[in-house]
Protein backbone atom coordinates (compact mmCIF):
# COMPACT_ATOMS: atom_id res chain seq x y z
CA MET A 1 59.87 3.16 102.61
CA SER A 2 62.86 0.79 101.53
CA ALA A 3 65.72 2.01 99.29
CA ARG A 4 64.00 0.38 96.60
CA SER A 5 60.99 2.04 97.21
CA LEU A 6 62.68 5.14 97.34
CA THR A 7 64.29 4.54 93.66
CA THR A 8 60.64 3.70 92.46
CA ARG A 9 59.23 6.88 93.67
CA LEU A 10 61.59 9.40 92.43
CA LEU A 11 61.56 7.76 89.18
CA ALA A 12 57.69 7.66 88.89
CA ILE A 13 58.27 11.73 89.41
CA GLY A 14 61.42 12.38 87.97
CA GLY A 15 60.86 10.77 84.78
CA ALA A 16 64.31 9.32 84.22
CA THR A 17 64.83 6.69 81.08
CA VAL A 18 66.05 4.26 84.17
CA LEU A 19 63.82 1.71 84.81
CA ILE A 20 63.85 0.44 88.32
CA GLY A 21 61.02 -1.42 90.38
CA GLY A 22 59.37 -4.79 90.17
CA LEU A 23 57.91 -5.76 86.65
CA ALA A 24 55.53 -8.11 84.97
CA GLY A 25 52.82 -9.24 83.10
CA CYS A 26 49.73 -8.60 80.59
CA SER A 27 50.52 -8.63 76.54
CA SER A 28 50.21 -5.10 74.94
CA GLY A 29 49.92 -6.49 71.32
CA GLY A 30 52.03 -8.29 68.85
CA SER A 31 53.97 -7.69 65.62
CA ALA A 32 50.85 -5.49 64.56
CA ASP A 33 52.46 -2.91 67.19
CA THR A 34 56.05 -2.77 66.07
CA GLY A 35 55.29 -3.49 62.54
CA GLY A 36 57.38 -5.99 60.63
CA GLY A 37 57.51 -9.49 59.48
CA GLY A 38 60.05 -12.18 59.44
CA ASP A 39 61.28 -15.55 59.58
CA VAL A 40 62.03 -15.44 63.38
CA GLU A 41 59.95 -14.08 66.14
CA ILE A 42 60.91 -12.87 69.08
CA THR A 43 59.22 -11.23 72.70
CA TYR A 44 60.70 -8.23 74.61
CA GLN A 45 58.86 -7.67 77.81
CA ALA A 46 59.27 -4.86 80.21
CA ASP A 47 57.08 -2.63 82.72
CA ASN A 48 53.58 -1.34 81.36
CA SER A 49 54.51 2.65 82.21
CA PRO A 50 54.33 5.28 79.27
CA ALA A 51 58.06 5.76 79.32
CA THR A 52 59.12 2.29 78.72
CA ALA A 53 56.47 1.60 76.28
CA ALA A 54 57.96 5.17 74.78
CA THR A 55 61.15 3.69 74.60
CA ALA A 56 60.57 0.23 73.39
CA LYS A 57 58.18 0.45 70.38
CA PRO A 58 61.15 3.05 68.66
CA LEU A 59 63.78 0.87 69.20
CA ILE A 60 62.33 -2.50 68.32
CA ALA A 61 60.90 -0.67 64.77
CA ALA A 62 64.63 0.56 64.10
CA PHE A 63 65.61 -3.13 64.90
CA GLU A 64 63.12 -4.95 62.87
CA LYS A 65 64.33 -2.34 60.02
CA ALA A 66 67.60 -3.62 60.37
CA ASN A 67 67.11 -7.39 60.43
CA PRO A 68 64.13 -7.97 58.49
CA GLY A 69 64.50 -11.89 58.71
CA VAL A 70 63.34 -10.74 62.70
CA THR A 71 60.45 -9.82 64.40
CA VAL A 72 60.18 -8.43 67.51
CA LYS A 73 56.80 -8.79 69.60
CA PHE A 74 56.51 -6.09 72.90
CA ASP A 75 54.64 -7.49 75.89
CA THR A 76 54.41 -5.61 78.94
CA ARG A 77 54.00 -6.46 82.68
CA PRO A 78 52.57 -4.42 85.92
CA GLN A 79 55.01 -3.00 88.29
CA GLY A 80 55.57 -3.87 91.94
CA THR A 81 55.69 -6.71 93.77
CA GLU A 82 53.27 -8.57 91.62
CA GLY A 83 55.33 -8.00 89.15
CA ASP A 84 58.46 -9.50 90.71
CA ASN A 85 56.56 -12.44 91.50
CA LEU A 86 55.30 -12.85 87.89
CA VAL A 87 59.13 -12.87 86.47
CA LYS A 88 60.30 -15.51 88.94
CA THR A 89 57.16 -17.52 88.22
CA GLN A 90 57.75 -17.36 84.24
CA LEU A 91 61.08 -18.22 84.78
CA SER A 92 60.28 -21.43 86.74
CA THR A 93 57.59 -22.19 84.19
CA GLY A 94 59.79 -21.55 81.15
CA GLU A 95 57.14 -19.09 79.98
CA MET A 96 59.60 -16.06 80.64
CA ALA A 97 60.01 -13.61 77.27
CA ASP A 98 62.84 -14.22 74.90
CA VAL A 99 64.76 -10.62 76.36
CA PHE A 100 62.98 -8.64 79.28
CA ASN A 101 64.18 -6.11 81.28
CA TYR A 102 64.62 -6.38 84.74
CA ASN A 103 65.92 -5.06 87.59
CA SER A 104 70.07 -5.22 88.06
CA GLY A 105 71.79 -5.99 91.45
CA SER A 106 70.05 -7.97 94.28
CA LEU A 107 67.11 -8.59 92.87
CA MET A 108 68.41 -10.12 89.85
CA GLN A 109 70.45 -12.04 92.03
CA ALA A 110 67.19 -13.05 93.46
CA LEU A 111 66.24 -14.50 90.46
CA ASN A 112 68.42 -17.63 90.71
CA PRO A 113 70.31 -16.91 87.19
CA ASP A 114 72.85 -19.51 87.28
CA ASN A 115 70.22 -21.77 86.59
CA THR A 116 67.68 -19.36 84.79
CA LEU A 117 69.70 -17.21 82.60
CA VAL A 118 72.08 -16.98 79.35
CA ASP A 119 75.59 -16.01 79.64
CA LEU A 120 75.94 -13.01 77.90
CA SER A 121 80.31 -13.11 78.68
CA ASP A 122 80.71 -14.06 75.25
CA GLN A 123 78.97 -11.33 73.32
CA SER A 124 80.98 -8.41 72.03
CA TRP A 125 79.50 -5.21 73.62
CA THR A 126 80.56 -6.42 77.08
CA LYS A 127 83.82 -5.00 76.65
CA ASP A 128 82.77 -1.33 76.66
CA VAL A 129 80.16 -1.71 79.90
CA ASP A 130 81.59 0.08 83.05
CA GLU A 131 82.97 -2.66 85.38
CA GLN A 132 80.21 -1.30 88.43
CA PHE A 133 77.52 -2.24 86.14
CA THR A 134 78.99 -5.81 85.12
CA LYS A 135 79.14 -6.42 88.56
CA VAL A 136 76.10 -6.09 89.50
CA VAL A 137 74.80 -8.26 87.16
CA SER A 138 77.03 -10.99 87.13
CA THR A 139 78.04 -13.58 89.38
CA ASP A 140 80.98 -16.13 89.62
CA LYS A 141 80.13 -17.47 86.82
CA GLY A 142 78.44 -15.02 84.35
CA VAL A 143 77.71 -12.19 82.65
CA TYR A 144 73.86 -12.05 82.66
CA GLY A 145 72.25 -8.63 82.07
CA ALA A 146 73.11 -5.76 79.51
CA PRO A 147 72.13 -2.22 80.62
CA ILE A 148 69.23 0.09 79.30
CA GLY A 149 68.85 3.35 80.23
CA THR A 150 70.96 5.69 82.38
CA SER A 151 72.04 5.58 85.55
CA PHE A 152 72.09 8.55 88.31
CA GLY A 153 73.43 9.60 91.29
CA GLY A 154 72.57 10.43 94.67
CA ALA A 155 74.31 13.60 95.11
CA VAL A 156 74.37 17.16 96.67
CA MET A 157 72.29 18.94 93.75
CA TYR A 158 73.82 22.79 94.45
CA ASN A 159 72.79 25.76 92.75
CA LYS A 160 76.32 26.85 90.75
CA LYS A 161 74.86 30.90 90.82
CA VAL A 162 75.00 30.61 94.77
CA TYR A 163 78.36 29.60 94.98
CA ALA A 164 79.90 31.63 92.43
CA ASP A 165 78.64 34.83 94.30
CA LEU A 166 80.15 33.37 97.39
CA GLY A 167 83.65 32.29 96.39
CA LEU A 168 82.95 28.88 97.20
CA LYS A 169 84.41 25.62 95.51
CA VAL A 170 83.25 21.97 95.09
CA PRO A 171 83.79 20.33 97.94
CA THR A 172 85.36 17.05 98.90
CA THR A 173 85.32 16.40 102.49
CA TRP A 174 82.49 16.89 104.77
CA ASP A 175 84.26 19.91 106.66
CA GLU A 176 83.95 21.92 103.65
CA PHE A 177 80.70 21.18 102.74
CA ILE A 178 79.88 22.30 106.30
CA SER A 179 82.50 25.37 106.02
CA ASN A 180 80.44 26.04 102.30
CA SER A 181 76.69 25.94 104.87
CA GLU A 182 78.10 27.73 107.11
CA ALA A 183 79.57 30.74 104.86
CA ILE A 184 76.21 30.94 103.12
CA LYS A 185 74.39 30.61 106.26
CA ASP A 186 76.25 33.95 107.11
CA ALA A 187 75.84 35.48 104.16
CA GLY A 188 71.54 35.08 105.15
CA LYS A 189 68.71 35.24 102.88
CA VAL A 190 69.69 31.80 101.26
CA ALA A 191 68.89 28.25 102.65
CA PRO A 192 72.45 26.50 103.27
CA ILE A 193 70.90 23.30 102.62
CA ILE A 194 67.51 22.31 101.63
CA GLN A 195 65.51 19.32 103.61
CA THR A 196 62.28 17.82 102.49
CA TYR A 197 60.83 15.86 105.25
CA GLY A 198 57.06 16.56 103.90
CA ASP A 199 57.83 14.07 100.88
CA THR A 200 59.26 11.58 103.50
CA TRP A 201 61.19 9.17 101.80
CA THR A 202 63.80 12.44 100.74
CA SER A 203 64.90 12.41 104.22
CA GLN A 204 67.53 9.16 103.07
CA LEU A 205 69.92 10.48 101.15
CA PHE A 206 72.26 11.50 103.40
CA VAL A 207 72.61 7.67 104.53
CA LEU A 208 72.22 6.53 101.11
CA GLY A 209 74.07 8.42 99.42
CA ASP A 210 76.78 7.86 101.90
CA PHE A 211 77.24 4.19 100.40
CA ALA A 212 80.19 4.43 98.37
CA ASN A 213 82.05 6.64 101.06
CA ILE A 214 81.83 3.47 103.15
CA THR A 215 83.14 1.05 100.61
CA ALA A 216 85.86 3.51 99.57
CA GLN A 217 87.22 2.57 102.52
CA GLN A 218 85.80 -1.20 103.61
CA ALA A 219 85.08 -2.93 100.21
CA ASN A 220 83.81 -5.49 101.70
CA TRP A 221 81.27 -3.41 103.53
CA ALA A 222 78.09 -4.55 101.38
CA SER A 223 79.00 -8.32 101.64
CA LYS A 224 79.57 -8.07 105.88
CA TYR A 225 76.83 -6.33 106.29
CA THR A 226 74.61 -9.20 104.48
CA ALA A 227 76.11 -11.90 106.66
CA ASN A 228 75.27 -9.70 109.75
CA LYS A 229 78.71 -9.17 110.63
CA GLU A 230 78.87 -5.36 109.81
CA SER A 231 75.98 -2.62 110.95
CA TYR A 232 74.97 1.27 110.91
CA ALA A 233 75.72 1.66 114.65
CA LYS A 234 79.60 1.93 114.24
CA ASP A 235 81.90 3.29 111.59
CA PRO A 236 82.04 3.76 108.98
CA ALA A 237 77.91 3.44 107.96
CA LEU A 238 77.36 5.14 111.25
CA ALA A 239 78.44 8.22 109.84
CA GLY A 240 75.27 9.06 107.01
CA PHE A 241 73.48 9.73 110.19
CA ASP A 242 75.89 11.65 112.02
CA HIS A 243 75.32 14.28 109.60
CA LEU A 244 71.86 13.76 109.43
CA ALA A 245 72.19 14.85 112.47
CA GLU A 246 74.57 17.62 112.54
CA VAL A 247 73.41 19.86 109.74
CA LYS A 248 70.15 20.14 111.90
CA GLU A 249 71.80 21.30 114.99
CA LYS A 250 74.26 23.47 113.59
CA GLY A 251 71.15 25.08 111.78
CA LEU A 252 71.73 24.32 108.26
CA VAL A 253 68.37 23.65 107.02
CA ASN A 254 65.81 25.68 105.45
CA GLU A 255 63.08 27.13 108.46
CA ASP A 256 60.12 24.80 106.43
CA PHE A 257 62.41 21.08 106.13
CA ALA A 258 59.29 19.38 108.09
CA SER A 259 56.64 20.37 105.77
CA ALA A 260 58.19 21.27 102.54
CA THR A 261 58.45 18.73 99.71
CA GLN A 262 60.53 17.23 97.17
CA ALA A 263 58.63 19.95 94.82
CA ASN A 264 59.17 23.22 97.10
CA GLY A 265 63.10 22.11 97.48
CA LEU A 266 63.62 21.58 93.54
CA LYS A 267 62.03 24.96 93.61
CA MET A 268 64.22 26.92 95.93
CA LEU A 269 67.10 25.07 94.61
CA ALA A 270 66.25 26.00 90.92
CA ASP A 271 65.56 30.07 91.84
CA GLY A 272 68.36 30.09 94.66
CA THR A 273 66.87 29.88 97.90
CA GLY A 274 68.04 27.19 98.49
CA ALA A 275 71.70 26.50 97.73
CA GLN A 276 72.33 22.72 97.83
CA TYR A 277 69.74 19.60 98.00
CA PRO A 278 71.09 16.12 98.51
CA MET A 279 68.67 14.47 96.06
CA LEU A 280 68.71 11.43 93.30
CA THR A 281 69.82 13.40 90.29
CA ASN A 282 67.29 12.02 87.80
CA ALA A 283 65.28 15.15 89.82
CA ILE A 284 67.12 16.87 87.43
CA SER A 285 64.26 15.70 84.55
CA THR A 286 61.91 17.54 86.72
CA LEU A 287 63.65 21.08 87.21
CA GLN A 288 64.04 21.02 83.04
CA GLN A 289 60.43 20.55 82.74
CA ASP A 290 59.35 23.08 85.99
CA SER A 291 61.98 25.34 85.87
CA PRO A 292 63.95 25.74 82.47
CA ASP A 293 65.87 28.95 82.52
CA ALA A 294 67.93 27.47 85.94
CA VAL A 295 68.95 24.02 84.74
CA ASP A 296 71.88 25.26 83.64
CA ASP A 297 72.68 26.53 87.02
CA ILE A 298 72.59 23.35 89.18
CA GLY A 299 75.77 21.29 89.68
CA ALA A 300 75.90 18.12 91.51
CA PHE A 301 78.35 16.79 93.59
CA ALA A 302 79.23 13.31 95.53
CA LEU A 303 78.43 13.96 98.90
CA PRO A 304 81.65 14.08 100.87
CA ALA A 305 83.46 11.76 103.38
CA GLU A 306 85.38 12.51 106.12
CA ASP A 307 88.62 11.96 103.79
CA ALA A 308 88.93 13.39 100.24
CA ASP A 309 90.18 10.55 99.03
CA ASP A 310 87.30 8.36 100.37
CA THR A 311 84.69 10.67 98.27
CA THR A 312 82.78 8.92 96.48
CA LEU A 313 79.54 9.25 93.99
CA THR A 314 76.79 6.22 95.08
CA ILE A 315 75.60 5.42 91.75
CA TRP A 316 71.76 3.69 90.91
CA GLU A 317 72.75 1.34 88.37
CA PRO A 318 70.27 0.88 84.57
CA ASN A 319 68.14 -1.90 84.68
CA GLY A 320 69.07 -4.99 82.57
CA LEU A 321 68.42 -6.78 79.62
CA TYR A 322 68.04 -10.38 80.11
CA ILE A 323 67.63 -13.75 78.33
CA PRO A 324 66.43 -17.04 79.40
CA LYS A 325 68.01 -20.17 79.45
CA THR A 326 64.31 -21.25 77.59
CA THR A 327 65.16 -19.34 74.36
CA GLU A 328 67.33 -21.31 72.36
CA GLY A 329 68.00 -21.57 68.30
CA ASP A 330 67.41 -19.12 65.81
CA LYS A 331 65.51 -17.31 68.83
CA LEU A 332 68.47 -17.06 70.72
CA ALA A 333 70.78 -15.64 68.24
CA ALA A 334 67.89 -13.19 67.56
CA ALA A 335 67.45 -12.10 71.01
CA LYS A 336 71.49 -11.53 71.29
CA LYS A 337 71.00 -9.51 68.01
CA PHE A 338 68.18 -7.50 69.89
CA ILE A 339 70.24 -6.58 73.02
CA ALA A 340 73.42 -5.64 71.10
CA PHE A 341 71.31 -3.45 69.08
CA VAL A 342 69.93 -1.70 72.03
CA ASN A 343 73.60 -0.87 73.40
CA SER A 344 74.94 0.14 70.02
CA SER A 345 75.13 3.92 68.90
CA LYS A 346 71.90 3.53 66.94
CA GLY A 347 69.94 1.94 70.23
CA CYS A 348 71.39 4.69 72.63
CA ALA A 349 70.08 7.71 69.71
CA ILE A 350 66.79 6.32 70.15
CA GLN A 351 66.82 5.98 74.15
CA ASN A 352 67.84 9.91 74.10
CA ASP A 353 65.67 11.06 71.41
CA THR A 354 62.41 9.31 73.71
CA GLY A 355 63.44 9.66 77.14
CA THR A 356 64.79 12.27 79.69
CA PRO A 357 68.40 10.80 80.90
CA GLY A 358 68.63 11.33 84.37
CA GLY A 359 72.53 10.55 84.44
CA PRO A 360 75.52 8.87 82.32
CA TYR A 361 74.90 5.95 80.43
CA VAL A 362 77.27 2.96 81.91
CA ILE A 363 78.44 1.76 78.65
CA SER A 364 81.17 3.48 75.78
CA THR A 365 78.90 2.94 73.11
CA CYS A 366 76.34 5.62 74.69
CA THR A 367 76.64 8.70 74.90
CA LEU A 368 74.45 11.77 76.34
CA PRO A 369 73.10 14.48 73.84
CA ASP A 370 74.84 17.64 73.51
CA ASP A 371 71.89 19.61 74.80
CA VAL A 372 71.33 17.62 78.44
CA PRO A 373 71.80 19.30 81.76
CA ALA A 374 74.88 20.42 82.41
CA MET A 375 75.07 19.13 85.40
CA LEU A 376 75.10 15.40 84.37
CA ASP A 377 78.89 15.91 83.14
CA ASP A 378 79.76 16.42 86.94
CA LEU A 379 78.25 12.84 87.49
CA GLN A 380 80.03 11.81 84.14
CA GLN A 381 83.32 12.82 85.67
CA TYR A 382 82.73 10.67 88.18
CA ILE A 383 82.69 7.49 86.00
CA ASP A 384 85.38 8.37 83.86
CA GLU A 385 87.93 8.60 87.28
CA SER A 386 86.11 5.47 88.81
CA THR A 387 85.16 6.82 91.16
CA ALA A 388 81.30 6.04 91.91
CA THR A 389 80.14 2.67 92.84
CA PRO A 390 77.11 1.11 93.60
CA ALA A 391 74.62 1.88 95.87
CA LEU A 392 73.66 -1.04 98.61
CA GLU A 393 70.51 -2.13 96.97
CA PHE A 394 72.53 -3.78 94.07
CA LEU A 395 74.92 -4.95 96.03
CA SER A 396 72.59 -6.75 99.40
CA PRO A 397 68.81 -7.83 99.45
CA ILE A 398 68.78 -6.11 103.20
CA LYS A 399 66.47 -2.80 103.26
CA GLY A 400 64.16 -2.02 105.92
CA PRO A 401 60.93 -0.55 105.35
CA ASN A 402 61.20 2.48 107.75
CA LEU A 403 64.71 4.26 107.23
CA GLU A 404 63.02 7.05 106.04
CA LYS A 405 60.88 7.32 109.15
CA ILE A 406 64.17 6.96 111.14
CA CYS A 407 65.82 9.52 109.11
CA VAL A 408 62.85 11.95 109.67
CA GLN A 409 63.31 11.65 113.73
CA VAL A 410 67.19 11.81 113.03
CA GLY A 411 66.87 14.81 110.90
CA SER A 412 64.80 16.76 113.10
CA GLY A 413 66.55 16.24 116.57
CA ILE A 414 63.91 13.87 117.68
CA SER A 415 66.46 11.39 118.05
CA THR A 416 70.28 10.86 118.06
CA ALA A 417 72.81 9.75 115.44
CA ALA A 418 73.15 6.58 117.46
CA ALA A 419 69.74 6.05 118.06
CA GLY A 420 68.36 6.33 114.60
CA ALA A 421 71.32 4.00 113.41
CA LYS A 422 70.43 1.29 116.02
CA GLN A 423 66.68 1.43 114.92
CA TYR A 424 67.73 0.63 111.48
CA ASP A 425 70.01 -2.06 112.87
CA GLN A 426 66.78 -3.61 114.49
CA ASP A 427 64.19 -2.59 111.24
CA VAL A 428 66.39 -4.76 109.26
CA VAL A 429 66.46 -8.01 111.12
CA GLN A 430 62.94 -8.98 110.15
CA GLN A 431 63.22 -8.48 106.82
CA ALA A 432 66.80 -10.44 106.49
CA GLN A 433 65.29 -13.05 108.81
CA GLN A 434 62.15 -13.49 105.90
CA LEU A 435 64.54 -13.96 103.49
CA GLY A 436 66.15 -16.80 104.91
CA ILE A 437 69.93 -15.33 104.89
CA LYS A 438 71.92 -17.31 106.95
CA GLY A 439 73.34 -15.38 110.04
CA TRP A 440 70.54 -13.33 110.84
């Protein structure tokens, strides 16, 4: 499964408000869904998941109440590859909605934004957006997207009670992480590191979650990787595969790692029979549903690098809201107002009320409610300290379909780290060639 597929799968399981994955087209109805009736009508288009509608419709109703001259029609699109293709078709034929919700990062870049999207860099809300999000909705010629929903991290979720009982501190280096894990193992009864290869996609976190540590050491690694001038077979990227192999070799994972599922892993984390779980942090919403009494016992920290100065949180950025260049005149003005409203304090309050945040917001006008899991404060600290950077999928279109299978082999001791990394480098070649990327 690719990195993008990992994101889509976990969102479906975790129920986070961040909406990542392909999107595109059938109408859910017009202004009758949202009420109102004004001088200008615009269309807002997003994916067809129930979670999207649960947030979109209240946002539209509140916006129309605040802007009585504007009516917003809500259209939906199916998810997946079909949706991606339809988005591109609608943009090329001039049939795209006035505002649409779509991926940030490399998939947004594939829309040829300089030619198809409205530059929003003159909007007042842009100054409030985290620079890491701005990077993944921009080109050298403009800023094309505004955030909707929250970010989430690829991190280590951990049981704070286990840490407190053993007198452990949050590690900032890989050696400290291994030392903590060995101390947990020596204490007995608790699995130091949870792995859940029964859901094979969960095997990828040691690799995907380490990406921010790569960029901390080599800021241009993603662009060089896209140009086939960097690879996972050598440092600093090899570290993720090395770490995956090391925790198995040292006997630091749960005995049933090969068959355990994500649900099993989260239960272990909640009840304290597992101490640390490398995972996308929007899984906290599943814990909130299944183990509500344990949620406050769960914290999170970035996958540690070899050097503490390089330890950085890998962030999966929210979707963006975009306006196609075919939106003009009064409709353009109304579309810009709608995007600004979504990112206002009122719009953010609606997002909080209608969804479960999976991580921090990326715009300062939006704040998490007081009753969110304490773990989100751990993630926010990385954002505030500027020690968080986007996952590779937001910076490069290159990702191989077999990463999860390769990670299972390495994490099970079937393949060495070096062999797994080399295999993944080979895995991406065909996809890069199909995309027509230079250097492949």
